[in-house]
C-alpha atoms as a PDB file:
ATOM      1  CA  MET A   1      37.880  10.245 -36.072  1.00  0.00           C
ATOM      2  CA  SER A   2      35.978  11.361 -32.953  1.00  0.00           C
ATOM      3  CA  HIS A   3      32.314  10.191 -32.719  1.00  0.00           C
ATOM      4  CA  THR A   4      31.487  13.838 -32.026  1.00  0.00           C
ATOM      5  CA  LEU A   5      31.253  15.661 -35.346  1.00  0.00           C
ATOM      6  CA  HIS A   6      29.873  19.056 -36.242  1.00  0.00           C
ATOM      7  CA  HIS A   7      29.074  19.153 -40.011  1.00  0.00           C
ATOM      8  CA  LEU A   8      28.905  22.472 -41.922  1.00  0.00           C
ATOM      9  CA  ARG A   9      25.736  24.166 -40.622  1.00  0.00           C
ATOM     10  CA  ARG A  10      24.982  26.130 -43.770  1.00  0.00           C
ATOM     11  CA  PRO A  11      26.986  26.158 -46.932  1.00  0.00           C
ATOM     12  CA  ARG A  12      27.003  29.498 -48.697  1.00  0.00           C
ATOM     13  CA  LEU A  13      29.354  30.720 -51.435  1.00  0.00           C
ATOM     14  CA  GLN A  14      31.177  33.580 -49.788  1.00  0.00           C
ATOM     15  CA  ARG A  15      34.340  34.269 -51.699  1.00  0.00           C
ATOM     16  CA  SER A  16      33.815  38.006 -51.746  1.00  0.00           C
ATOM     17  CA  GLU A  17      31.741  40.056 -49.295  1.00  0.00           C
ATOM     18  CA  LEU A  18      31.167  43.702 -50.306  1.00  0.00           C
ATOM     19  CA  ALA A  19      30.664  46.146 -47.472  1.00  0.00           C
ATOM     20  CA  VAL A  20      28.131  48.853 -48.334  1.00  0.00           C
ATOM     21  CA  PRO A  21      27.156  51.748 -45.986  1.00  0.00           C
ATOM     22  CA  GLY A  22      23.434  51.907 -45.536  1.00  0.00           C
ATOM     23  CA  SER A  23      23.598  55.732 -45.705  1.00  0.00           C
ATOM     24  CA  ASN A  24      24.350  55.607 -49.460  1.00  0.00           C
ATOM     25  CA  PRO A  25      21.391  54.273 -51.534  1.00  0.00           C
ATOM     26  CA  GLU A  26      23.314  54.677 -54.762  1.00  0.00           C
ATOM     27  CA  MET A  27      26.081  52.391 -53.514  1.00  0.00           C
ATOM     28  CA  ILE A  28      23.475  49.871 -52.350  1.00  0.00           C
ATOM     29  CA  GLU A  29      21.947  49.653 -55.927  1.00  0.00           C
ATOM     30  CA  LYS A  30      25.473  49.362 -57.486  1.00  0.00           C
ATOM     31  CA  ALA A  31      26.287  46.557 -55.107  1.00  0.00           C
ATOM     32  CA  ALA A  32      23.226  44.490 -56.169  1.00  0.00           C
ATOM     33  CA  SER A  33      24.683  44.463 -59.649  1.00  0.00           C
ATOM     34  CA  SER A  34      28.187  43.599 -58.607  1.00  0.00           C
ATOM     35  CA  ALA A  35      30.090  40.344 -58.919  1.00  0.00           C
ATOM     36  CA  ALA A  36      30.235  39.922 -55.121  1.00  0.00           C
ATOM     37  CA  ASP A  37      28.901  36.670 -53.720  1.00  0.00           C
ATOM     38  CA  PHE A  38      27.810  38.339 -50.502  1.00  0.00           C
ATOM     39  CA  ILE A  39      26.668  41.793 -49.598  1.00  0.00           C
ATOM     40  CA  PHE A  40      26.523  43.218 -46.145  1.00  0.00           C
ATOM     41  CA  LEU A  41      24.641  46.455 -45.712  1.00  0.00           C
ATOM     42  CA  ASP A  42      26.079  48.376 -42.857  1.00  0.00           C
ATOM     43  CA  ILE A  43      24.490  50.307 -39.995  1.00  0.00           C
ATOM     44  CA  GLU A  44      27.564  50.221 -37.776  1.00  0.00           C
ATOM     45  CA  ASP A  45      31.000  51.579 -38.308  1.00  0.00           C
ATOM     46  CA  ALA A  46      30.461  52.872 -41.820  1.00  0.00           C
ATOM     47  CA  VAL A  47      27.539  55.123 -40.697  1.00  0.00           C
ATOM     48  CA  ALA A  48      27.915  58.204 -38.613  1.00  0.00           C
ATOM     49  CA  PRO A  49      25.625  58.423 -35.422  1.00  0.00           C
ATOM     50  CA  PRO A  50      23.416  61.153 -36.851  1.00  0.00           C
ATOM     51  CA  ASP A  51      22.745  58.924 -40.002  1.00  0.00           C
ATOM     52  CA  LYS A  52      22.021  55.616 -38.215  1.00  0.00           C
ATOM     53  CA  GLU A  53      18.236  55.878 -38.443  1.00  0.00           C
ATOM     54  CA  ARG A  54      18.168  56.994 -42.074  1.00  0.00           C
ATOM     55  CA  ALA A  55      20.629  54.180 -42.943  1.00  0.00           C
ATOM     56  CA  ARG A  56      18.396  51.734 -41.321  1.00  0.00           C
ATOM     57  CA  GLN A  57      15.376  52.865 -43.379  1.00  0.00           C
ATOM     58  CA  ASN A  58      17.499  52.914 -46.631  1.00  0.00           C
ATOM     59  CA  ILE A  59      18.427  49.259 -45.886  1.00  0.00           C
ATOM     60  CA  ILE A  60      14.832  48.264 -45.285  1.00  0.00           C
ATOM     61  CA  ARG A  61      13.757  49.826 -48.461  1.00  0.00           C
ATOM     62  CA  ALA A  62      16.596  48.167 -50.502  1.00  0.00           C
ATOM     63  CA  LEU A  63      15.799  44.725 -48.986  1.00  0.00           C
ATOM     64  CA  ASN A  64      12.246  45.113 -50.064  1.00  0.00           C
ATOM     65  CA  GLU A  65      12.707  46.785 -53.480  1.00  0.00           C
ATOM     66  CA  ILE A  66      15.659  44.789 -54.732  1.00  0.00           C
ATOM     67  CA  ASP A  67      15.332  41.027 -55.609  1.00  0.00           C
ATOM     68  CA  TRP A  68      18.787  40.049 -54.154  1.00  0.00           C
ATOM     69  CA  ARG A  69      18.279  36.391 -54.635  1.00  0.00           C
ATOM     70  CA  ALA A  70      17.286  36.710 -58.177  1.00  0.00           C
ATOM     71  CA  ARG A  71      20.635  38.626 -58.740  1.00  0.00           C
ATOM     72  CA  GLY A  72      22.533  35.736 -57.103  1.00  0.00           C
ATOM     73  CA  LYS A  73      23.389  37.616 -53.960  1.00  0.00           C
ATOM     74  CA  THR A  74      23.276  36.605 -50.361  1.00  0.00           C
ATOM     75  CA  VAL A  75      22.403  39.711 -48.361  1.00  0.00           C
ATOM     76  CA  SER A  76      23.259  40.476 -44.740  1.00  0.00           C
ATOM     77  CA  VAL A  77      22.906  43.484 -42.401  1.00  0.00           C
ATOM     78  CA  ARG A  78      25.590  44.430 -39.940  1.00  0.00           C
ATOM     79  CA  ILE A  79      23.756  45.750 -36.983  1.00  0.00           C
ATOM     80  CA  ASN A  80      25.313  48.150 -34.308  1.00  0.00           C
ATOM     81  CA  GLY A  81      26.999  46.589 -31.281  1.00  0.00           C
ATOM     82  CA  LEU A  82      25.196  45.415 -28.135  1.00  0.00           C
ATOM     83  CA  ASP A  83      26.820  48.154 -26.212  1.00  0.00           C
ATOM     84  CA  THR A  84      24.966  50.797 -28.060  1.00  0.00           C
ATOM     85  CA  HIS A  85      21.319  52.014 -27.933  1.00  0.00           C
ATOM     86  CA  TYR A  86      20.872  51.447 -31.654  1.00  0.00           C
ATOM     87  CA  MET A  87      21.173  47.624 -31.716  1.00  0.00           C
ATOM     88  CA  TYR A  88      17.716  46.646 -30.456  1.00  0.00           C
ATOM     89  CA  ARG A  89      16.052  49.002 -33.051  1.00  0.00           C
ATOM     90  CA  ASP A  90      18.233  47.718 -35.842  1.00  0.00           C
ATOM     91  CA  VAL A  91      17.144  44.131 -35.254  1.00  0.00           C
ATOM     92  CA  VAL A  92      13.432  44.903 -34.568  1.00  0.00           C
ATOM     93  CA  ASP A  93      12.939  47.328 -37.459  1.00  0.00           C
ATOM     94  CA  VAL A  94      14.916  45.366 -40.144  1.00  0.00           C
ATOM     95  CA  MET A  95      13.371  42.041 -39.037  1.00  0.00           C
ATOM     96  CA  GLU A  96       9.811  43.203 -38.690  1.00  0.00           C
ATOM     97  CA  GLN A  97       9.828  45.174 -42.023  1.00  0.00           C
ATOM     98  CA  ALA A  98      12.075  42.968 -44.127  1.00  0.00           C
ATOM     99  CA  GLY A  99      12.942  39.812 -42.231  1.00  0.00           C
ATOM    100  CA  ASP A 100      11.686  37.543 -45.027  1.00  0.00           C
ATOM    101  CA  ARG A 101      14.022  39.249 -47.554  1.00  0.00           C
ATOM    102  CA  LEU A 102      17.203  38.894 -45.417  1.00  0.00           C
ATOM    103  CA  ASP A 103      19.674  36.047 -45.257  1.00  0.00           C
ATOM    104  CA  THR A 104      21.891  36.810 -42.260  1.00  0.00           C
ATOM    105  CA  ILE A 105      22.527  39.409 -39.587  1.00  0.00           C
ATOM    106  CA  LEU A 106      26.215  40.174 -38.838  1.00  0.00           C
ATOM    107  CA  VAL A 107      26.754  40.877 -35.196  1.00  0.00           C
ATOM    108  CA  PRO A 108      29.798  42.999 -34.460  1.00  0.00           C
ATOM    109  CA  LYS A 109      32.177  42.768 -31.605  1.00  0.00           C
ATOM    110  CA  VAL A 110      30.922  39.572 -30.161  1.00  0.00           C
ATOM    111  CA  GLY A 111      32.762  38.848 -27.042  1.00  0.00           C
ATOM    112  CA  VAL A 112      30.745  36.061 -25.386  1.00  0.00           C
ATOM    113  CA  PRO A 113      28.194  33.491 -26.523  1.00  0.00           C
ATOM    114  CA  ALA A 114      25.413  35.433 -24.649  1.00  0.00           C
ATOM    115  CA  ASP A 115      25.868  38.181 -27.156  1.00  0.00           C
ATOM    116  CA  LEU A 116      24.522  35.922 -29.847  1.00  0.00           C
ATOM    117  CA  TYR A 117      21.748  34.604 -27.645  1.00  0.00           C
ATOM    118  CA  MET A 118      20.341  38.114 -27.135  1.00  0.00           C
ATOM    119  CA  VAL A 119      20.128  38.682 -30.912  1.00  0.00           C
ATOM    120  CA  GLU A 120      18.830  35.213 -31.595  1.00  0.00           C
ATOM    121  CA  ALA A 121      16.020  35.645 -29.139  1.00  0.00           C
ATOM    122  CA  LEU A 122      14.840  38.805 -30.793  1.00  0.00           C
ATOM    123  CA  VAL A 123      15.106  37.371 -34.279  1.00  0.00           C
ATOM    124  CA  GLU A 124      13.228  34.091 -33.161  1.00  0.00           C
ATOM    125  CA  GLN A 125      10.349  36.042 -31.672  1.00  0.00           C
ATOM    126  CA  ILE A 126       9.925  38.429 -34.601  1.00  0.00           C
ATOM    127  CA  GLU A 127      10.019  35.592 -37.159  1.00  0.00           C
ATOM    128  CA  THR A 128       7.396  33.668 -35.164  1.00  0.00           C
ATOM    129  CA  ALA A 129       5.212  36.750 -34.600  1.00  0.00           C
ATOM    130  CA  LYS A 130       5.255  37.801 -38.324  1.00  0.00           C
ATOM    131  CA  GLY A 131       4.970  34.255 -39.619  1.00  0.00           C
ATOM    132  CA  PHE A 132       7.983  34.474 -41.756  1.00  0.00           C
ATOM    133  CA  THR A 133       9.201  31.135 -43.202  1.00  0.00           C
ATOM    134  CA  THR A 134      12.716  32.353 -44.180  1.00  0.00           C
ATOM    135  CA  ARG A 135      15.174  31.509 -41.255  1.00  0.00           C
ATOM    136  CA  VAL A 136      17.656  34.338 -40.883  1.00  0.00           C
ATOM    137  CA  GLY A 137      21.127  33.201 -39.956  1.00  0.00           C
ATOM    138  CA  LEU A 138      23.677  34.809 -37.663  1.00  0.00           C
ATOM    139  CA  GLU A 139      27.284  35.712 -38.207  1.00  0.00           C
ATOM    140  CA  ALA A 140      29.647  36.903 -35.553  1.00  0.00           C
ATOM    141  CA  LEU A 141      32.484  39.361 -35.926  1.00  0.00           C
ATOM    142  CA  ILE A 142      35.546  38.360 -33.867  1.00  0.00           C
ATOM    143  CA  GLU A 143      37.237  41.632 -33.380  1.00  0.00           C
ATOM    144  CA  THR A 144      38.077  42.157 -29.827  1.00  0.00           C
ATOM    145  CA  ALA A 145      40.565  40.503 -27.455  1.00  0.00           C
ATOM    146  CA  LEU A 146      37.579  39.200 -25.516  1.00  0.00           C
ATOM    147  CA  GLY A 147      36.071  37.719 -28.545  1.00  0.00           C
ATOM    148  CA  MET A 148      39.174  35.958 -29.548  1.00  0.00           C
ATOM    149  CA  ALA A 149      39.754  34.639 -25.982  1.00  0.00           C
ATOM    150  CA  ASN A 150      36.286  33.175 -26.116  1.00  0.00           C
ATOM    151  CA  VAL A 151      36.212  32.155 -29.921  1.00  0.00           C
ATOM    152  CA  GLU A 152      35.830  28.472 -29.270  1.00  0.00           C
ATOM    153  CA  ALA A 153      32.896  28.986 -27.005  1.00  0.00           C
ATOM    154  CA  ILE A 154      31.353  31.445 -29.459  1.00  0.00           C
ATOM    155  CA  ALA A 155      31.807  29.005 -32.312  1.00  0.00           C
ATOM    156  CA  ALA A 156      30.101  26.269 -30.219  1.00  0.00           C
ATOM    157  CA  PHE A 157      26.987  28.512 -29.597  1.00  0.00           C
ATOM    158  CA  GLY A 158      24.964  26.663 -32.220  1.00  0.00           C
ATOM    159  CA  GLY A 159      21.504  28.077 -32.949  1.00  0.00           C
ATOM    160  CA  ARG A 160      21.477  30.245 -36.126  1.00  0.00           C
ATOM    161  CA  LEU A 161      25.218  30.934 -36.167  1.00  0.00           C
ATOM    162  CA  GLU A 162      26.668  30.192 -39.601  1.00  0.00           C
ATOM    163  CA  ALA A 163      30.021  31.989 -39.863  1.00  0.00           C
ATOM    164  CA  LEU A 164      32.743  33.881 -37.992  1.00  0.00           C
ATOM    165  CA  HIS A 165      34.524  36.973 -39.456  1.00  0.00           C
ATOM    166  CA  PHE A 166      37.913  38.305 -38.332  1.00  0.00           C
ATOM    167  CA  GLY A 167      37.708  42.097 -37.896  1.00  0.00           C
ATOM    168  CA  VAL A 168      41.302  43.101 -38.008  1.00  0.00           C
ATOM    169  CA  ALA A 169      40.996  46.751 -37.407  1.00  0.00           C
ATOM    170  CA  ASP A 170      39.039  46.642 -34.128  1.00  0.00           C
ATOM    171  CA  TYR A 171      41.039  43.610 -33.090  1.00  0.00           C
ATOM    172  CA  ALA A 172      44.328  45.563 -33.545  1.00  0.00           C
ATOM    173  CA  ALA A 173      42.853  48.419 -31.494  1.00  0.00           C
ATOM    174  CA  SER A 174      41.581  46.069 -28.777  1.00  0.00           C
ATOM    175  CA  CYS A 175      44.992  44.455 -28.518  1.00  0.00           C
ATOM    176  CA  LYS A 176      46.806  47.844 -28.842  1.00  0.00           C
ATOM    177  CA  ALA A 177      48.717  46.282 -31.686  1.00  0.00           C
ATOM    178  CA  ARG A 178      51.005  48.602 -33.884  1.00  0.00           C
ATOM    179  CA  THR A 179      49.858  48.423 -37.435  1.00  0.00           C
ATOM    180  CA  VAL A 180      50.502  50.557 -40.460  1.00  0.00           C
ATOM    181  CA  SER A 181      46.967  50.067 -42.114  1.00  0.00           C
ATOM    182  CA  ILE A 182      43.825  48.059 -41.784  1.00  0.00           C
ATOM    183  CA  GLY A 183      44.929  44.415 -42.454  1.00  0.00           C
ATOM    184  CA  GLY A 184      48.401  45.480 -43.526  1.00  0.00           C
ATOM    185  CA  LEU A 185      51.630  43.930 -42.175  1.00  0.00           C
ATOM    186  CA  ASN A 186      53.950  45.745 -39.803  1.00  0.00           C
ATOM    187  CA  PRO A 187      57.508  45.494 -41.055  1.00  0.00           C
ATOM    188  CA  ASP A 188      58.762  45.186 -37.551  1.00  0.00           C
ATOM    189  CA  TYR A 189      57.023  41.868 -37.205  1.00  0.00           C
ATOM    190  CA  PRO A 190      58.801  38.807 -38.646  1.00  0.00           C
ATOM    191  CA  GLY A 191      56.018  37.544 -40.719  1.00  0.00           C
ATOM    192  CA  ASP A 192      52.193  38.038 -40.473  1.00  0.00           C
ATOM    193  CA  GLN A 193      51.087  39.323 -37.125  1.00  0.00           C
ATOM    194  CA  TRP A 194      47.443  38.281 -37.910  1.00  0.00           C
ATOM    195  CA  HIS A 195      48.340  34.587 -38.544  1.00  0.00           C
ATOM    196  CA  ALA A 196      47.797  33.278 -35.047  1.00  0.00           C
ATOM    197  CA  ALA A 197      44.337  35.045 -34.692  1.00  0.00           C
ATOM    198  CA  LEU A 198      43.126  33.932 -38.159  1.00  0.00           C
ATOM    199  CA  ALA A 199      44.414  30.325 -37.626  1.00  0.00           C
ATOM    200  CA  ARG A 200      42.641  30.068 -34.200  1.00  0.00           C
ATOM    201  CA  MET A 201      39.395  31.462 -35.549  1.00  0.00           C
ATOM    202  CA  THR A 202      39.521  29.128 -38.583  1.00  0.00           C
ATOM    203  CA  VAL A 203      40.076  26.071 -36.372  1.00  0.00           C
ATOM    204  CA  ALA A 204      37.128  27.014 -34.086  1.00  0.00           C
ATOM    205  CA  CYS A 205      34.981  27.386 -37.205  1.00  0.00           C
ATOM    206  CA  ARG A 206      35.965  24.027 -38.634  1.00  0.00           C
ATOM    207  CA  ALA A 207      35.481  22.306 -35.352  1.00  0.00           C
ATOM    208  CA  TYR A 208      31.921  23.499 -35.068  1.00  0.00           C
ATOM    209  CA  GLY A 209      30.661  23.616 -38.644  1.00  0.00           C
ATOM    210  CA  LEU A 210      31.021  27.257 -39.392  1.00  0.00           C
ATOM    211  CA  ARG A 211      32.350  29.232 -42.389  1.00  0.00           C
ATOM    212  CA  PRO A 212      35.564  31.294 -41.481  1.00  0.00           C
ATOM    213  CA  ILE A 213      35.763  34.705 -43.396  1.00  0.00           C
ATOM    214  CA  ASP A 214      38.571  37.118 -43.374  1.00  0.00           C
ATOM    215  CA  GLY A 215      37.737  40.823 -42.976  1.00  0.00           C
ATOM    216  CA  PRO A 216      38.852  44.076 -44.465  1.00  0.00           C
ATOM    217  CA  PHE A 217      41.979  45.222 -46.161  1.00  0.00           C
ATOM    218  CA  GLY A 218      42.042  48.978 -46.015  1.00  0.00           C
ATOM    219  CA  ASP A 219      44.489  50.015 -48.770  1.00  0.00           C
ATOM    220  CA  PHE A 220      42.393  49.502 -51.767  1.00  0.00           C
ATOM    221  CA  SER A 221      44.963  51.279 -53.962  1.00  0.00           C
ATOM    222  CA  ASP A 222      47.254  48.219 -53.329  1.00  0.00           C
ATOM    223  CA  PRO A 223      45.683  45.306 -55.008  1.00  0.00           C
ATOM    224  CA  GLU A 224      48.926  43.184 -54.783  1.00  0.00           C
ATOM    225  CA  ALA A 225      48.964  43.533 -50.993  1.00  0.00           C
ATOM    226  CA  TYR A 226      45.310  42.571 -50.915  1.00  0.00           C
ATOM    227  CA  ILE A 227      45.842  39.448 -53.035  1.00  0.00           C
ATOM    228  CA  ALA A 228      48.748  38.493 -50.713  1.00  0.00           C
ATOM    229  CA  ALA A 229      46.593  38.837 -47.594  1.00  0.00           C
ATOM    230  CA  ALA A 230      43.771  36.833 -49.303  1.00  0.00           C
ATOM    231  CA  ARG A 231      46.146  34.057 -50.312  1.00  0.00           C
ATOM    232  CA  ARG A 232      47.473  33.786 -46.751  1.00  0.00           C
ATOM    233  CA  ALA A 233      43.910  33.518 -45.496  1.00  0.00           C
ATOM    234  CA  ALA A 234      42.939  30.886 -48.192  1.00  0.00           C
ATOM    235  CA  ALA A 235      46.069  28.818 -47.266  1.00  0.00           C
ATOM    236  CA  LEU A 236      44.586  28.501 -43.800  1.00  0.00           C
ATOM    237  CA  GLY A 237      41.164  27.315 -45.008  1.00  0.00           C
ATOM    238  CA  ILE A 238      39.256  30.563 -44.933  1.00  0.00           C
ATOM    239  CA  GLU A 239      36.490  30.723 -47.495  1.00  0.00           C
ATOM    240  CA  GLY A 240      36.461  34.428 -48.468  1.00  0.00           C
ATOM    241  CA  LYS A 241      37.391  38.060 -47.697  1.00  0.00           C
ATOM    242  CA  TRP A 242      35.730  41.285 -47.338  1.00  0.00           C
ATOM    243  CA  ALA A 243      35.871  43.913 -50.209  1.00  0.00           C
ATOM    244  CA  ILE A 244      35.590  47.443 -48.869  1.00  0.00           C
ATOM    245  CA  HIS A 245      35.832  48.728 -52.451  1.00  0.00           C
ATOM    246  CA  PRO A 246      34.331  47.298 -55.636  1.00  0.00           C
ATOM    247  CA  SER A 247      37.865  46.815 -57.098  1.00  0.00           C
ATOM    248  CA  GLN A 248      38.577  44.114 -54.432  1.00  0.00           C
ATOM    249  CA  ILE A 249      35.634  41.879 -55.537  1.00  0.00           C
ATOM    250  CA  ASP A 250      37.278  40.246 -58.493  1.00  0.00           C
ATOM    251  CA  LEU A 251      40.447  39.798 -56.543  1.00  0.00           C
ATOM    252  CA  ALA A 252      38.728  37.913 -53.766  1.00  0.00           C
ATOM    253  CA  ASN A 253      36.696  35.760 -56.236  1.00  0.00           C
ATOM    254  CA  GLU A 254      39.945  34.837 -58.034  1.00  0.00           C
ATOM    255  CA  VAL A 255      41.891  33.975 -54.902  1.00  0.00           C
ATOM    256  CA  PHE A 256      39.168  31.927 -53.293  1.00  0.00           C
ATOM    257  CA  SER A 257      38.158  30.076 -56.294  1.00  0.00           C
ATOM    258  CA  PRO A 258      39.990  26.780 -57.063  1.00  0.00           C
ATOM    259  CA  GLN A 259      42.150  27.034 -60.109  1.00  0.00           C
ATOM    260  CA  PRO A 260      41.573  24.676 -63.019  1.00  0.00           C
ATOM    261  CA  LYS A 261      44.688  22.639 -62.423  1.00  0.00           C
ATOM    262  CA  GLU A 262      43.631  22.188 -58.776  1.00  0.00           C
ATOM    263  CA  VAL A 263      40.158  20.993 -59.795  1.00  0.00           C
ATOM    264  CA  ALA A 264      41.554  18.654 -62.409  1.00  0.00           C
ATOM    265  CA  ARG A 265      43.984  17.129 -59.859  1.00  0.00           C
ATOM    266  CA  ALA A 266      41.209  16.721 -57.362  1.00  0.00           C
ATOM    267  CA  ARG A 267      39.038  14.827 -59.834  1.00  0.00           C
ATOM    268  CA  ARG A 268      42.071  12.680 -60.729  1.00  0.00           C
ATOM    269  CA  ILE A 269      42.651  11.822 -57.035  1.00  0.00           C
ATOM    270  CA  LEU A 270      39.165  10.500 -56.774  1.00  0.00           C
ATOM    271  CA  GLU A 271      39.665   8.459 -59.988  1.00  0.00           C
ATOM    272  CA  VAL A 272      42.883   6.803 -58.905  1.00  0.00           C
ATOM    273  CA  LEU A 273      41.642   6.097 -55.383  1.00  0.00           C
ATOM    274  CA  LYS A 274      38.510   4.457 -56.830  1.00  0.00           C
ATOM    275  CA  GLU A 275      40.693   2.383 -59.094  1.00  0.00           C
ATOM    276  CA  ALA A 276      42.849   1.438 -56.009  1.00  0.00           C
ATOM    277  CA  GLU A 277      39.826   0.524 -53.949  1.00  0.00           C
ATOM    278  CA  GLU A 278      38.715  -1.848 -56.723  1.00  0.00           C
ATOM    279  CA  LYS A 279      42.025  -3.538 -56.415  1.00  0.00           C
ATOM    280  CA  GLY A 280      41.752  -3.763 -52.694  1.00  0.00           C
ATOM    281  CA  HIS A 281      44.204  -1.021 -51.926  1.00  0.00           C
ATOM    282  CA  GLY A 282      43.641   1.927 -49.514  1.00  0.00           C
ATOM    283  CA  ALA A 283      46.228   4.209 -51.020  1.00  0.00           C
ATOM    284  CA  ALA A 284      47.553   4.985 -54.538  1.00  0.00           C
ATOM    285  CA  ALA A 285      50.264   6.978 -56.271  1.00  0.00           C
ATOM    286  CA  LEU A 286      49.558  10.015 -58.474  1.00  0.00           C
ATOM    287  CA  ASP A 287      52.344  11.917 -60.199  1.00  0.00           C
ATOM    288  CA  GLY A 288      54.950  10.258 -57.891  1.00  0.00           C
ATOM    289  CA  LYS A 289      52.995  11.152 -54.682  1.00  0.00           C
ATOM    290  CA  MET A 290      50.980   9.074 -52.362  1.00  0.00           C
ATOM    291  CA  VAL A 291      47.286   9.756 -52.063  1.00  0.00           C
ATOM    292  CA  ASP A 292      44.933   8.191 -49.551  1.00  0.00           C
ATOM    293  CA  ALA A 293      41.659   8.736 -47.709  1.00  0.00           C
ATOM    294  CA  ALA A 294      42.859  12.150 -46.330  1.00  0.00           C
ATOM    295  CA  SER A 295      43.706  13.122 -49.918  1.00  0.00           C
ATOM    296  CA  GLU A 296      40.108  12.185 -50.899  1.00  0.00           C
ATOM    297  CA  ARG A 297      38.687  14.512 -48.258  1.00  0.00           C
ATOM    298  CA  MET A 298      40.829  17.354 -49.382  1.00  0.00           C
ATOM    299  CA  ALA A 299      39.955  16.781 -53.085  1.00  0.00           C
ATOM    300  CA  ARG A 300      36.137  16.701 -52.247  1.00  0.00           C
ATOM    301  CA  ASN A 301      36.537  20.096 -50.535  1.00  0.00           C
ATOM    302  CA  VAL A 302      37.950  21.554 -53.830  1.00  0.00           C
ATOM    303  CA  ILE A 303      35.217  19.849 -55.931  1.00  0.00           C
ATOM    304  CA  ALA A 304      32.440  21.143 -53.631  1.00  0.00           C
ATOM    305  CA  MET A 305      33.687  24.697 -53.916  1.00  0.00           C
ATOM    306  CA  GLN A 306      33.992  24.395 -57.685  1.00  0.00           C
ATOM    307  CA  ASP A 307      30.398  22.926 -57.897  1.00  0.00           C
ATOM    308  CA  ALA A 308      29.035  25.837 -55.825  1.00  0.00           C
ATOM    309  CA  ILE A 309      30.663  28.426 -58.141  1.00  0.00           C
ATOM    310  CA  GLU A 310      29.368  26.509 -61.294  1.00  0.00           C
ATOM    311  CA  LYS A 311      25.844  26.498 -59.783  1.00  0.00           C
ATOM    312  CA  LYS A 312      25.936  30.229 -59.085  1.00  0.00           C
ATOM    313  CA  ASN A 313      27.184  30.983 -62.583  1.00  0.00           C
ATOM    314  CA  ALA A 314      24.438  28.827 -64.051  1.00  0.00           C
ATOM    315  CA  GLU A 315      21.697  30.513 -62.135  1.00  0.00           C
ATOM    316  CA  ALA A 316      23.078  33.985 -63.107  1.00  0.00           C
ATOM    317  CA  ALA A 317      23.184  33.117 -66.720  1.00  0.00           C
END
């Protein structure tokens, strides 16, 4: 193992992330009562230009009036891109008026680490000026060819960065990829055309202590396809997936939660390895298969996720 290690910067349960347009106060209230782990209130793509200012004010009001943490929710705001004239006012207004009620800011279309530096500088100054003690984290959307080309450098940014999200729709557009639907598979491609991008982003996240999150699946009338996409992401080590419709929340929670058999086996792995260690052995056999120190690390990942889920359920009870 290298002497250089980047431990997970900020663990958060993020199996399901519900996208909510800031222009719709009724949807915001419903989101607060949903089963989603994470909510992001959107001022970007889900809001038309004439509604940006109103959506921003709706979000500020919702952050202040709804006790998101008491409802077991982590709440984020997706600001507009740095290439727009909306972005600075998004950060300034939301942070100054509700920065102590916010968990993270989701920065879209991040192309280079300096994009995050610009947002972080604003957030840092406002927190200091307002005397806020809650430290707002940053999350970056990797959804352009430039962002993917620089994903390792973006992941290494440090600072407040906690997670990277894969934005498949804008990524497809940036790459001029032929796709049939947001997040869907092209039958002309032999497999999953998003695999390489997801795998690269996931490795960058794990190398630098970030949470990797998969983005949207547009056809909310096809739960089977959503589940299949979520399972492919989970197999790579991704921790959660967006829900662009409430019907996708339970699907994401199910896929990204360890199954009872998986948890039981993980606990058994720890038991047999402890027994082996007491006998002076570094490896052991379980159900006809070898388990060793690497197996222990994988098992602890499963148990840590299960512990986080149980903690959330207990707090919500």
